[in-house]
Amino acid sequence: MMRNLERLKSWEGLLLAILVVVVVINVVQSPVYLSVENQVNLFQLFIERIIVALAMTFIIINGEIDLSVASVMGLASCLLAFLHEQGVPLPTAILVTLAVGVIVGAFNGFWISVVGLPSLAVTLAGLIGYRGVARILVEDRSIGNFPEWFNRLGQQPLLGPLPLASIIFFVLLVAAVIVLQYSAFGRYVFVIGNNREVARYSGVKVRQMKMTLFIASSTIATLAWLLLAARLGAVRGSTAEGFELDIITMVLLGGVSIFGGTGTLTGVGLSILLILNLRNGMSLVNITSNTQTGVIGVLLILSVLLPNWGQAVRNLRNRRRRVGQGQTAGE
């Protein structure tokens, strides 16, 4: 009983309660909300961002951040379209694009893990630079005409009602849970996020860990955008602009500390469901995308402020308790 009460007091318990309220409101306001088609569509429209959020969880728990993921996604899609337009066979273009994703991740990781620059500065530069390369590749055009087999991978169900992207997400989710919660690699991710110097003196290969995480982040972002290109059937230089807002909000709202060292995939999963249901509910009542983005922005601010306020309240309560105990002892 006490364990259940503690769970309800946790951040995950709060997210679950809010999620239930949002679902009830959506059910009341829209008769189509619970339909299978709407539920599948709810995930399909954001599945690529959800996939990248899994990698972002590792990055932020490790005490870093990757602001360039959306631009990497845009670069990947534009590179694929450019190579296809130049007559490169699509399977070859896909392999080249994935290889570029690995190179981009290694480039970010080098400046962060080897040179020691802040990940905020490095990936902010990447956000601008990679987007610029994407626009150079396709300019202001929309490029499509991909082979039918490629479009089917993104647009048609592969297993029951689930398309390929959803299947890949669930596979990656299981892998992420195993790695983060039950492996030495996952423990090192937390240790480095808590205190990099302590981790280094404990024998943890901090540089290699950070390099691995940033390579994984860019590679998964590249994979996600290949899936999105297949779903959309066409790409532009502006593809994926602003996606980093949703991705980072999903992670921070899930209880992952912006300072690193704490967080769970359970919280991130609840956060993803909450954001998807919020956006879906707002779409069903025809709230504009700009307003939806504003709501997500507010959630991002709250996801950073509320845990800090909660910690400040707990610290104040502990200080008062210690003072009270001291006064009692003095008497």
C-alpha atoms as a PDB file:
ATOM      1  CA  MET A   1       0.000   0.000   0.000  1.00  0.00           C
ATOM      2  CA  MET A   2       2.754   2.464   0.948  1.00  0.00           C
ATOM      3  CA  ARG A   3       4.647   1.601  -2.225  1.00  0.00           C
ATOM      4  CA  ASN A   4       1.577   2.456  -4.315  1.00  0.00           C
ATOM      5  CA  LEU A   5       1.182   5.776  -2.487  1.00  0.00           C
ATOM      6  CA  GLU A   6       4.826   6.658  -3.139  1.00  0.00           C
ATOM      7  CA  ARG A   7       4.383   5.815  -6.801  1.00  0.00           C
ATOM      8  CA  LEU A   8       1.355   8.114  -7.051  1.00  0.00           C
ATOM      9  CA  LYS A   9       3.424  10.908  -5.490  1.00  0.00           C
ATOM     10  CA  SER A  10       6.140  10.489  -8.105  1.00  0.00           C
ATOM     11  CA  TRP A  11       6.507  12.476 -11.314  1.00  0.00           C
ATOM     12  CA  GLU A  12       5.358   9.427 -13.274  1.00  0.00           C
ATOM     13  CA  GLY A  13       2.225   9.249 -11.122  1.00  0.00           C
ATOM     14  CA  LEU A  14       1.466  12.899 -11.865  1.00  0.00           C
ATOM     15  CA  LEU A  15       1.948  12.333 -15.609  1.00  0.00           C
ATOM     16  CA  LEU A  16      -0.340   9.304 -15.491  1.00  0.00           C
ATOM     17  CA  ALA A  17      -3.059  11.303 -13.716  1.00  0.00           C
ATOM     18  CA  ILE A  18      -2.825  14.148 -16.249  1.00  0.00           C
ATOM     19  CA  LEU A  19      -2.859  11.649 -19.121  1.00  0.00           C
ATOM     20  CA  VAL A  20      -6.066  10.074 -17.818  1.00  0.00           C
ATOM     21  CA  VAL A  21      -7.705  13.517 -17.607  1.00  0.00           C
ATOM     22  CA  VAL A  22      -6.613  14.400 -21.165  1.00  0.00           C
ATOM     23  CA  VAL A  23      -7.907  11.076 -22.527  1.00  0.00           C
ATOM     24  CA  VAL A  24     -11.285  11.559 -20.811  1.00  0.00           C
ATOM     25  CA  ILE A  25     -11.589  15.078 -22.238  1.00  0.00           C
ATOM     26  CA  ASN A  26     -10.706  13.812 -25.730  1.00  0.00           C
ATOM     27  CA  VAL A  27     -13.286  11.018 -25.475  1.00  0.00           C
ATOM     28  CA  VAL A  28     -15.981  13.504 -24.452  1.00  0.00           C
ATOM     29  CA  GLN A  29     -15.191  16.111 -27.099  1.00  0.00           C
ATOM     30  CA  SER A  30     -14.759  13.791 -30.093  1.00  0.00           C
ATOM     31  CA  PRO A  31     -16.685  10.616 -31.020  1.00  0.00           C
ATOM     32  CA  VAL A  32     -13.876   9.479 -33.335  1.00  0.00           C
ATOM     33  CA  TYR A  33     -11.095   9.715 -30.754  1.00  0.00           C
ATOM     34  CA  LEU A  34     -11.245   6.048 -29.707  1.00  0.00           C
ATOM     35  CA  SER A  35     -11.481   4.715 -33.246  1.00  0.00           C
ATOM     36  CA  VAL A  36      -8.668   2.407 -34.359  1.00  0.00           C
ATOM     37  CA  GLU A  37      -7.948   4.689 -37.308  1.00  0.00           C
ATOM     38  CA  ASN A  38      -7.465   7.730 -35.064  1.00  0.00           C
ATOM     39  CA  GLN A  39      -5.292   5.851 -32.575  1.00  0.00           C
ATOM     40  CA  VAL A  40      -3.013   4.538 -35.328  1.00  0.00           C
ATOM     41  CA  ASN A  41      -2.925   8.004 -36.902  1.00  0.00           C
ATOM     42  CA  LEU A  42      -2.070   9.508 -33.495  1.00  0.00           C
ATOM     43  CA  PHE A  43       1.168   7.532 -33.412  1.00  0.00           C
ATOM     44  CA  GLN A  44       1.942   7.596 -37.121  1.00  0.00           C
ATOM     45  CA  LEU A  45       2.058  11.393 -37.371  1.00  0.00           C
ATOM     46  CA  PHE A  46       4.693  11.622 -34.625  1.00  0.00           C
ATOM     47  CA  ILE A  47       6.393   8.249 -34.780  1.00  0.00           C
ATOM     48  CA  GLU A  48       9.655   9.624 -36.193  1.00  0.00           C
ATOM     49  CA  ARG A  49       9.947  12.177 -33.394  1.00  0.00           C
ATOM     50  CA  ILE A  50       9.184   9.481 -30.826  1.00  0.00           C
ATOM     51  CA  ILE A  51      11.980   7.301 -32.202  1.00  0.00           C
ATOM     52  CA  VAL A  52      14.484  10.146 -31.869  1.00  0.00           C
ATOM     53  CA  ALA A  53      13.204  10.890 -28.335  1.00  0.00           C
ATOM     54  CA  LEU A  54      14.510   7.474 -27.243  1.00  0.00           C
ATOM     55  CA  ALA A  55      18.065   8.426 -28.245  1.00  0.00           C
ATOM     56  CA  MET A  56      17.639  11.910 -26.750  1.00  0.00           C
ATOM     57  CA  THR A  57      16.778  10.305 -23.398  1.00  0.00           C
ATOM     58  CA  PHE A  58      20.249   8.726 -23.243  1.00  0.00           C
ATOM     59  CA  ILE A  59      21.908  12.007 -24.283  1.00  0.00           C
ATOM     60  CA  ILE A  60      20.205  14.136 -21.624  1.00  0.00           C
ATOM     61  CA  ILE A  61      20.604  11.577 -18.810  1.00  0.00           C
ATOM     62  CA  ASN A  62      24.299  11.625 -19.736  1.00  0.00           C
ATOM     63  CA  GLY A  63      24.362  15.359 -18.985  1.00  0.00           C
ATOM     64  CA  GLU A  64      24.425  16.554 -22.592  1.00  0.00           C
ATOM     65  CA  ILE A  65      21.925  17.768 -25.197  1.00  0.00           C
ATOM     66  CA  ASP A  66      21.607  17.420 -28.967  1.00  0.00           C
ATOM     67  CA  LEU A  67      19.823  20.360 -30.575  1.00  0.00           C
ATOM     68  CA  SER A  68      20.849  19.268 -34.060  1.00  0.00           C
ATOM     69  CA  VAL A  69      18.657  16.165 -34.371  1.00  0.00           C
ATOM     70  CA  ALA A  70      15.909  17.851 -36.416  1.00  0.00           C
ATOM     71  CA  SER A  71      18.464  19.382 -38.775  1.00  0.00           C
ATOM     72  CA  VAL A  72      20.153  15.994 -39.124  1.00  0.00           C
ATOM     73  CA  MET A  73      16.748  14.594 -40.018  1.00  0.00           C
ATOM     74  CA  GLY A  74      16.292  17.323 -42.621  1.00  0.00           C
ATOM     75  CA  LEU A  75      19.791  16.766 -43.997  1.00  0.00           C
ATOM     76  CA  ALA A  76      19.187  13.023 -44.287  1.00  0.00           C
ATOM     77  CA  SER A  77      15.935  13.414 -46.196  1.00  0.00           C
ATOM     78  CA  CYS A  78      17.360  16.056 -48.545  1.00  0.00           C
ATOM     79  CA  LEU A  79      20.508  14.022 -49.175  1.00  0.00           C
ATOM     80  CA  LEU A  80      18.409  10.988 -50.011  1.00  0.00           C
ATOM     81  CA  ALA A  81      16.251  13.026 -52.393  1.00  0.00           C
ATOM     82  CA  PHE A  82      19.304  14.660 -54.002  1.00  0.00           C
ATOM     83  CA  LEU A  83      21.053  11.335 -54.609  1.00  0.00           C
ATOM     84  CA  HIS A  84      17.854   9.821 -55.996  1.00  0.00           C
ATOM     85  CA  GLU A  85      17.428  12.798 -58.335  1.00  0.00           C
ATOM     86  CA  GLN A  86      21.019  12.311 -59.555  1.00  0.00           C
ATOM     87  CA  GLY A  87      20.188   8.756 -60.603  1.00  0.00           C
ATOM     88  CA  VAL A  88      21.751   6.888 -57.682  1.00  0.00           C
ATOM     89  CA  PRO A  89      19.800   3.660 -56.970  1.00  0.00           C
ATOM     90  CA  LEU A  90      17.653   4.194 -53.895  1.00  0.00           C
ATOM     91  CA  PRO A  91      19.111   1.283 -51.845  1.00  0.00           C
ATOM     92  CA  THR A  92      22.595   2.758 -52.412  1.00  0.00           C
ATOM     93  CA  ALA A  93      21.321   6.246 -51.553  1.00  0.00           C
ATOM     94  CA  ILE A  94      19.838   4.904 -48.294  1.00  0.00           C
ATOM     95  CA  LEU A  95      23.163   3.324 -47.286  1.00  0.00           C
ATOM     96  CA  VAL A  96      25.067   6.528 -48.132  1.00  0.00           C
ATOM     97  CA  THR A  97      22.595   8.592 -46.117  1.00  0.00           C
ATOM     98  CA  LEU A  98      22.921   6.314 -43.080  1.00  0.00           C
ATOM     99  CA  ALA A  99      26.712   6.518 -43.376  1.00  0.00           C
ATOM    100  CA  VAL A 100      26.501  10.325 -43.400  1.00  0.00           C
ATOM    101  CA  GLY A 101      24.380  10.119 -40.255  1.00  0.00           C
ATOM    102  CA  VAL A 102      27.147   8.163 -38.546  1.00  0.00           C
ATOM    103  CA  ILE A 103      29.748  10.703 -39.724  1.00  0.00           C
ATOM    104  CA  VAL A 104      27.675  13.643 -38.467  1.00  0.00           C
ATOM    105  CA  GLY A 105      27.307  11.969 -35.061  1.00  0.00           C
ATOM    106  CA  ALA A 106      31.052  11.327 -34.907  1.00  0.00           C
ATOM    107  CA  PHE A 107      31.710  14.951 -35.865  1.00  0.00           C
ATOM    108  CA  ASN A 108      29.487  16.202 -33.040  1.00  0.00           C
ATOM    109  CA  GLY A 109      30.958  13.678 -30.643  1.00  0.00           C
ATOM    110  CA  PHE A 110      34.542  14.679 -31.487  1.00  0.00           C
ATOM    111  CA  TRP A 111      34.061  18.321 -30.529  1.00  0.00           C
ATOM    112  CA  ILE A 112      32.164  17.400 -27.383  1.00  0.00           C
ATOM    113  CA  SER A 113      34.011  14.358 -26.043  1.00  0.00           C
ATOM    114  CA  VAL A 114      37.559  14.979 -27.328  1.00  0.00           C
ATOM    115  CA  VAL A 115      37.900  18.749 -27.614  1.00  0.00           C
ATOM    116  CA  GLY A 116      35.614  19.354 -24.628  1.00  0.00           C
ATOM    117  CA  LEU A 117      33.273  21.966 -26.091  1.00  0.00           C
ATOM    118  CA  PRO A 118      29.762  22.272 -24.583  1.00  0.00           C
ATOM    119  CA  SER A 119      27.211  20.108 -26.381  1.00  0.00           C
ATOM    120  CA  LEU A 120      24.771  23.038 -26.350  1.00  0.00           C
ATOM    121  CA  ALA A 121      27.144  25.144 -28.486  1.00  0.00           C
ATOM    122  CA  VAL A 122      28.252  22.325 -30.789  1.00  0.00           C
ATOM    123  CA  THR A 123      24.776  21.045 -31.582  1.00  0.00           C
ATOM    124  CA  LEU A 124      23.343  24.557 -31.897  1.00  0.00           C
ATOM    125  CA  ALA A 125      25.945  25.169 -34.597  1.00  0.00           C
ATOM    126  CA  GLY A 126      24.912  21.850 -36.116  1.00  0.00           C
ATOM    127  CA  LEU A 127      21.259  22.878 -36.034  1.00  0.00           C
ATOM    128  CA  ILE A 128      22.140  25.843 -38.265  1.00  0.00           C
ATOM    129  CA  GLY A 129      24.847  24.225 -40.380  1.00  0.00           C
ATOM    130  CA  TYR A 130      23.173  20.930 -41.235  1.00  0.00           C
ATOM    131  CA  ARG A 131      19.964  22.752 -42.135  1.00  0.00           C
ATOM    132  CA  GLY A 132      21.959  25.014 -44.432  1.00  0.00           C
ATOM    133  CA  VAL A 133      23.461  22.021 -46.249  1.00  0.00           C
ATOM    134  CA  ALA A 134      19.992  20.505 -46.617  1.00  0.00           C
ATOM    135  CA  ARG A 135      18.699  23.698 -48.242  1.00  0.00           C
ATOM    136  CA  ILE A 136      21.697  23.826 -50.580  1.00  0.00           C
ATOM    137  CA  LEU A 137      20.980  20.284 -51.752  1.00  0.00           C
ATOM    138  CA  VAL A 138      17.322  20.812 -52.695  1.00  0.00           C
ATOM    139  CA  GLU A 139      16.978  24.622 -52.623  1.00  0.00           C
ATOM    140  CA  ASP A 140      13.284  25.526 -52.388  1.00  0.00           C
ATOM    141  CA  ARG A 141      12.062  22.547 -54.373  1.00  0.00           C
ATOM    142  CA  SER A 142       9.964  19.605 -53.287  1.00  0.00           C
ATOM    143  CA  ILE A 143      11.573  16.371 -54.446  1.00  0.00           C
ATOM    144  CA  GLY A 144       9.702  13.094 -54.576  1.00  0.00           C
ATOM    145  CA  ASN A 145       8.988  10.425 -57.169  1.00  0.00           C
ATOM    146  CA  PHE A 146      10.466   7.733 -54.967  1.00  0.00           C
ATOM    147  CA  PRO A 147       9.934   4.099 -56.016  1.00  0.00           C
ATOM    148  CA  GLU A 148       6.587   2.629 -55.054  1.00  0.00           C
ATOM    149  CA  TRP A 149       8.179   0.043 -52.743  1.00  0.00           C
ATOM    150  CA  PHE A 150       9.796   2.832 -50.716  1.00  0.00           C
ATOM    151  CA  ASN A 151       6.544   4.752 -50.321  1.00  0.00           C
ATOM    152  CA  ARG A 152       4.694   1.593 -49.286  1.00  0.00           C
ATOM    153  CA  LEU A 153       7.150   1.073 -46.425  1.00  0.00           C
ATOM    154  CA  GLY A 154       6.094   4.382 -44.934  1.00  0.00           C
ATOM    155  CA  GLN A 155       2.421   4.484 -45.855  1.00  0.00           C
ATOM    156  CA  GLN A 156       0.987   0.965 -45.656  1.00  0.00           C
ATOM    157  CA  PRO A 157       0.530  -1.348 -42.648  1.00  0.00           C
ATOM    158  CA  LEU A 158       3.121  -4.088 -42.365  1.00  0.00           C
ATOM    159  CA  LEU A 159       2.008  -5.953 -39.243  1.00  0.00           C
ATOM    160  CA  GLY A 160      -1.698  -5.656 -38.474  1.00  0.00           C
ATOM    161  CA  PRO A 161      -2.488  -1.907 -38.489  1.00  0.00           C
ATOM    162  CA  LEU A 162       1.148  -0.991 -37.768  1.00  0.00           C
ATOM    163  CA  PRO A 163       3.469   0.462 -40.445  1.00  0.00           C
ATOM    164  CA  LEU A 164       7.225  -0.194 -40.487  1.00  0.00           C
ATOM    165  CA  ALA A 165       8.059   2.919 -38.430  1.00  0.00           C
ATOM    166  CA  SER A 166       5.851   1.795 -35.521  1.00  0.00           C
ATOM    167  CA  ILE A 167       7.408  -1.670 -35.524  1.00  0.00           C
ATOM    168  CA  ILE A 168      10.904  -0.171 -35.479  1.00  0.00           C
ATOM    169  CA  PHE A 169       9.887   2.091 -32.579  1.00  0.00           C
ATOM    170  CA  PHE A 170       8.692  -0.809 -30.409  1.00  0.00           C
ATOM    171  CA  VAL A 171      11.860  -2.794 -31.172  1.00  0.00           C
ATOM    172  CA  LEU A 172      14.034   0.213 -30.261  1.00  0.00           C
ATOM    173  CA  LEU A 173      11.950   0.841 -27.129  1.00  0.00           C
ATOM    174  CA  VAL A 174      12.552  -2.681 -25.834  1.00  0.00           C
ATOM    175  CA  ALA A 175      16.267  -2.379 -26.670  1.00  0.00           C
ATOM    176  CA  ALA A 176      16.473   1.033 -24.944  1.00  0.00           C
ATOM    177  CA  VAL A 177      14.833  -0.275 -21.757  1.00  0.00           C
ATOM    178  CA  ILE A 178      17.209  -3.252 -21.612  1.00  0.00           C
ATOM    179  CA  VAL A 179      20.308  -1.137 -22.269  1.00  0.00           C
ATOM    180  CA  LEU A 180      19.435   1.781 -19.972  1.00  0.00           C
ATOM    181  CA  GLN A 181      17.973  -0.127 -17.043  1.00  0.00           C
ATOM    182  CA  TYR A 182      19.713  -3.498 -17.095  1.00  0.00           C
ATOM    183  CA  SER A 183      23.194  -3.105 -18.589  1.00  0.00           C
ATOM    184  CA  ALA A 184      26.576  -1.755 -17.529  1.00  0.00           C
ATOM    185  CA  PHE A 185      26.396   0.730 -20.411  1.00  0.00           C
ATOM    186  CA  GLY A 186      23.159   2.150 -18.988  1.00  0.00           C
ATOM    187  CA  ARG A 187      24.660   2.451 -15.513  1.00  0.00           C
ATOM    188  CA  TYR A 188      27.616   4.349 -16.959  1.00  0.00           C
ATOM    189  CA  VAL A 189      25.201   6.730 -18.724  1.00  0.00           C
ATOM    190  CA  PHE A 190      23.730   7.645 -15.325  1.00  0.00           C
ATOM    191  CA  VAL A 191      27.104   7.784 -13.550  1.00  0.00           C
ATOM    192  CA  ILE A 192      28.571  10.195 -16.104  1.00  0.00           C
ATOM    193  CA  GLY A 193      25.447  12.348 -15.956  1.00  0.00           C
ATOM    194  CA  ASN A 194      25.710  12.586 -12.175  1.00  0.00           C
ATOM    195  CA  ASN A 195      29.410  13.450 -12.067  1.00  0.00           C
ATOM    196  CA  ARG A 196      31.736  13.206 -15.037  1.00  0.00           C
ATOM    197  CA  GLU A 197      34.934  13.504 -12.991  1.00  0.00           C
ATOM    198  CA  VAL A 198      33.915  10.816 -10.523  1.00  0.00           C
ATOM    199  CA  ALA A 199      33.051   8.549 -13.449  1.00  0.00           C
ATOM    200  CA  ARG A 200      36.444   9.178 -15.052  1.00  0.00           C
ATOM    201  CA  TYR A 201      38.358   8.449 -11.832  1.00  0.00           C
ATOM    202  CA  SER A 202      36.260   5.288 -11.439  1.00  0.00           C
ATOM    203  CA  GLY A 203      37.597   3.952 -14.721  1.00  0.00           C
ATOM    204  CA  VAL A 204      34.598   4.753 -16.936  1.00  0.00           C
ATOM    205  CA  LYS A 205      35.640   5.590 -20.485  1.00  0.00           C
ATOM    206  CA  VAL A 206      33.785   8.890 -20.592  1.00  0.00           C
ATOM    207  CA  ARG A 207      34.987  10.028 -24.017  1.00  0.00           C
ATOM    208  CA  GLN A 208      34.079   6.763 -25.705  1.00  0.00           C
ATOM    209  CA  MET A 209      30.672   6.749 -24.020  1.00  0.00           C
ATOM    210  CA  LYS A 210      29.825  10.255 -25.188  1.00  0.00           C
ATOM    211  CA  MET A 211      31.099   9.556 -28.692  1.00  0.00           C
ATOM    212  CA  THR A 212      28.924   6.433 -28.864  1.00  0.00           C
ATOM    213  CA  LEU A 213      25.842   8.320 -27.684  1.00  0.00           C
ATOM    214  CA  PHE A 214      26.180  11.130 -30.225  1.00  0.00           C
ATOM    215  CA  ILE A 215      26.825   8.694 -33.079  1.00  0.00           C
ATOM    216  CA  ALA A 216      23.729   6.750 -32.016  1.00  0.00           C
ATOM    217  CA  SER A 217      21.686   9.959 -31.777  1.00  0.00           C
ATOM    218  CA  SER A 218      22.519  11.127 -35.314  1.00  0.00           C
ATOM    219  CA  THR A 219      22.188   7.645 -36.797  1.00  0.00           C
ATOM    220  CA  ILE A 220      18.747   7.121 -35.252  1.00  0.00           C
ATOM    221  CA  ALA A 221      17.710  10.629 -36.383  1.00  0.00           C
ATOM    222  CA  THR A 222      18.812   9.700 -39.911  1.00  0.00           C
ATOM    223  CA  LEU A 223      16.866   6.435 -39.792  1.00  0.00           C
ATOM    224  CA  ALA A 224      13.787   8.240 -38.470  1.00  0.00           C
ATOM    225  CA  TRP A 225      13.824  10.729 -41.294  1.00  0.00           C
ATOM    226  CA  LEU A 226      14.249   8.029 -43.932  1.00  0.00           C
ATOM    227  CA  LEU A 227      11.048   6.578 -42.509  1.00  0.00           C
ATOM    228  CA  LEU A 228       9.388   9.994 -42.680  1.00  0.00           C
ATOM    229  CA  ALA A 229      10.504  10.524 -46.265  1.00  0.00           C
ATOM    230  CA  ALA A 230       8.841   7.211 -47.111  1.00  0.00           C
ATOM    231  CA  ARG A 231       5.653   8.284 -45.319  1.00  0.00           C
ATOM    232  CA  LEU A 232       5.462  11.717 -46.952  1.00  0.00           C
ATOM    233  CA  GLY A 233       6.643  10.641 -50.392  1.00  0.00           C
ATOM    234  CA  ALA A 234       8.464  13.960 -50.881  1.00  0.00           C
ATOM    235  CA  VAL A 235      10.918  16.201 -49.009  1.00  0.00           C
ATOM    236  CA  ARG A 236      11.870  19.877 -48.825  1.00  0.00           C
ATOM    237  CA  GLY A 237      14.736  21.830 -47.295  1.00  0.00           C
ATOM    238  CA  SER A 238      12.454  22.901 -44.438  1.00  0.00           C
ATOM    239  CA  THR A 239      11.550  19.334 -43.560  1.00  0.00           C
ATOM    240  CA  ALA A 240      11.582  18.633 -39.779  1.00  0.00           C
ATOM    241  CA  GLU A 241      12.006  22.270 -38.728  1.00  0.00           C
ATOM    242  CA  GLY A 242      10.967  22.644 -35.101  1.00  0.00           C
ATOM    243  CA  PHE A 243      10.927  18.928 -34.384  1.00  0.00           C
ATOM    244  CA  GLU A 244      13.597  19.357 -31.724  1.00  0.00           C
ATOM    245  CA  LEU A 245      11.020  21.213 -29.576  1.00  0.00           C
ATOM    246  CA  ASP A 246       8.706  18.191 -29.448  1.00  0.00           C
ATOM    247  CA  ILE A 247      11.588  15.747 -28.969  1.00  0.00           C
ATOM    248  CA  ILE A 248      13.246  17.572 -26.079  1.00  0.00           C
ATOM    249  CA  THR A 249       9.868  18.276 -24.443  1.00  0.00           C
ATOM    250  CA  MET A 250       8.997  14.565 -24.541  1.00  0.00           C
ATOM    251  CA  VAL A 251      12.203  13.772 -22.658  1.00  0.00           C
ATOM    252  CA  LEU A 252      12.191  16.586 -20.088  1.00  0.00           C
ATOM    253  CA  LEU A 253       8.476  16.323 -19.389  1.00  0.00           C
ATOM    254  CA  GLY A 254       9.102  12.642 -18.698  1.00  0.00           C
ATOM    255  CA  GLY A 255      11.135  13.585 -15.632  1.00  0.00           C
ATOM    256  CA  VAL A 256      14.616  13.406 -17.130  1.00  0.00           C
ATOM    257  CA  SER A 257      16.713  16.108 -15.474  1.00  0.00           C
ATOM    258  CA  ILE A 258      18.135  18.745 -17.827  1.00  0.00           C
ATOM    259  CA  PHE A 259      21.292  18.556 -15.684  1.00  0.00           C
ATOM    260  CA  GLY A 260      21.653  14.818 -16.274  1.00  0.00           C
ATOM    261  CA  GLY A 261      21.936  11.813 -13.986  1.00  0.00           C
ATOM    262  CA  THR A 262      18.243  11.051 -13.418  1.00  0.00           C
ATOM    263  CA  GLY A 263      15.292   9.878 -15.460  1.00  0.00           C
ATOM    264  CA  THR A 264      13.357   6.798 -16.564  1.00  0.00           C
ATOM    265  CA  LEU A 265      11.991   5.519 -19.840  1.00  0.00           C
ATOM    266  CA  THR A 266       8.683   4.943 -18.038  1.00  0.00           C
ATOM    267  CA  GLY A 267       8.371   8.675 -17.485  1.00  0.00           C
ATOM    268  CA  VAL A 268       9.408   9.418 -21.065  1.00  0.00           C
ATOM    269  CA  GLY A 269       6.826   6.918 -22.330  1.00  0.00           C
ATOM    270  CA  LEU A 270       4.057   8.589 -20.304  1.00  0.00           C
ATOM    271  CA  SER A 271       5.242  11.990 -21.513  1.00  0.00           C
ATOM    272  CA  ILE A 272       5.085  10.815 -25.133  1.00  0.00           C
ATOM    273  CA  LEU A 273       1.528   9.542 -24.655  1.00  0.00           C
ATOM    274  CA  LEU A 274       0.531  12.813 -22.977  1.00  0.00           C
ATOM    275  CA  ILE A 275       1.935  15.009 -25.746  1.00  0.00           C
ATOM    276  CA  LEU A 276       0.459  12.824 -28.496  1.00  0.00           C
ATOM    277  CA  ASN A 277      -2.970  12.885 -26.887  1.00  0.00           C
ATOM    278  CA  LEU A 278      -2.789  16.637 -26.290  1.00  0.00           C
ATOM    279  CA  ARG A 279      -1.889  17.315 -29.915  1.00  0.00           C
ATOM    280  CA  ASN A 280      -4.465  14.831 -31.181  1.00  0.00           C
ATOM    281  CA  GLY A 281      -7.203  16.323 -29.034  1.00  0.00           C
ATOM    282  CA  MET A 282      -6.362  19.848 -30.172  1.00  0.00           C
ATOM    283  CA  SER A 283      -6.349  18.723 -33.814  1.00  0.00           C
ATOM    284  CA  LEU A 284      -9.748  17.080 -33.456  1.00  0.00           C
ATOM    285  CA  VAL A 285     -11.248  20.427 -32.359  1.00  0.00           C
ATOM    286  CA  ASN A 286      -9.381  22.296 -35.123  1.00  0.00           C
ATOM    287  CA  ILE A 287      -6.879  24.168 -32.975  1.00  0.00           C
ATOM    288  CA  THR A 288      -4.145  25.529 -35.245  1.00  0.00           C
ATOM    289  CA  SER A 289      -0.658  24.022 -35.354  1.00  0.00           C
ATOM    290  CA  ASN A 290       0.853  27.322 -34.165  1.00  0.00           C
ATOM    291  CA  THR A 291      -1.262  27.193 -31.011  1.00  0.00           C
ATOM    292  CA  GLN A 292      -0.328  23.552 -30.510  1.00  0.00           C
ATOM    293  CA  THR A 293       3.350  24.480 -30.746  1.00  0.00           C
ATOM    294  CA  GLY A 294       2.787  27.201 -28.147  1.00  0.00           C
ATOM    295  CA  VAL A 295       1.226  24.671 -25.772  1.00  0.00           C
ATOM    296  CA  ILE A 296       4.205  22.328 -26.232  1.00  0.00           C
ATOM    297  CA  GLY A 297       6.537  25.267 -25.554  1.00  0.00           C
ATOM    298  CA  VAL A 298       4.745  25.946 -22.264  1.00  0.00           C
ATOM    299  CA  LEU A 299       5.067  22.267 -21.358  1.00  0.00           C
ATOM    300  CA  LEU A 300       8.802  22.451 -22.068  1.00  0.00           C
ATOM    301  CA  ILE A 301       9.174  25.396 -19.680  1.00  0.00           C
ATOM    302  CA  LEU A 302       7.114  23.670 -16.986  1.00  0.00           C
ATOM    303  CA  SER A 303       9.052  20.421 -17.398  1.00  0.00           C
ATOM    304  CA  VAL A 304      12.214  22.312 -16.430  1.00  0.00           C
ATOM    305  CA  LEU A 305      10.736  24.573 -13.739  1.00  0.00           C
ATOM    306  CA  LEU A 306       8.470  22.202 -11.805  1.00  0.00           C
ATOM    307  CA  PRO A 307      11.121  19.602 -10.850  1.00  0.00           C
ATOM    308  CA  ASN A 308      13.438  22.412  -9.730  1.00  0.00           C
ATOM    309  CA  TRP A 309      10.685  24.004  -7.665  1.00  0.00           C
ATOM    310  CA  GLY A 310       9.865  20.624  -6.162  1.00  0.00           C
ATOM    311  CA  GLN A 311      13.503  20.059  -5.239  1.00  0.00           C
ATOM    312  CA  ALA A 312      13.692  23.534  -3.715  1.00  0.00           C
ATOM    313  CA  VAL A 313      10.597  22.822  -1.586  1.00  0.00           C
ATOM    314  CA  ARG A 314      12.055  19.491  -0.437  1.00  0.00           C
ATOM    315  CA  ASN A 315      15.364  21.156   0.458  1.00  0.00           C
ATOM    316  CA  LEU A 316      13.560  23.864   2.447  1.00  0.00           C
ATOM    317  CA  ARG A 317      11.490  21.234   4.257  1.00  0.00           C
ATOM    318  CA  ASN A 318      14.618  19.230   5.110  1.00  0.00           C
ATOM    319  CA  ARG A 319      16.403  22.331   6.437  1.00  0.00           C
ATOM    320  CA  ARG A 320      13.445  23.194   8.640  1.00  0.00           C
ATOM    321  CA  ARG A 321      13.307  19.611   9.885  1.00  0.00           C
ATOM    322  CA  ARG A 322      17.021  19.683  10.750  1.00  0.00           C
ATOM    323  CA  VAL A 323      16.612  23.041  12.536  1.00  0.00           C
ATOM    324  CA  GLY A 324      13.645  21.674  14.462  1.00  0.00           C
ATOM    325  CA  GLN A 325      15.599  18.585  15.465  1.00  0.00           C
ATOM    326  CA  GLY A 326      18.505  20.765  16.570  1.00  0.00           C
ATOM    327  CA  GLN A 327      16.262  22.916  18.739  1.00  0.00           C
ATOM    328  CA  THR A 328      14.712  19.830  20.316  1.00  0.00           C
ATOM    329  CA  ALA A 329      18.143  18.381  21.055  1.00  0.00           C
ATOM    330  CA  GLY A 330      19.216  21.715  22.593  1.00  0.00           C
ATOM    331  CA  GLU A 331      16.296  21.702  24.967  1.00  0.00           C
END
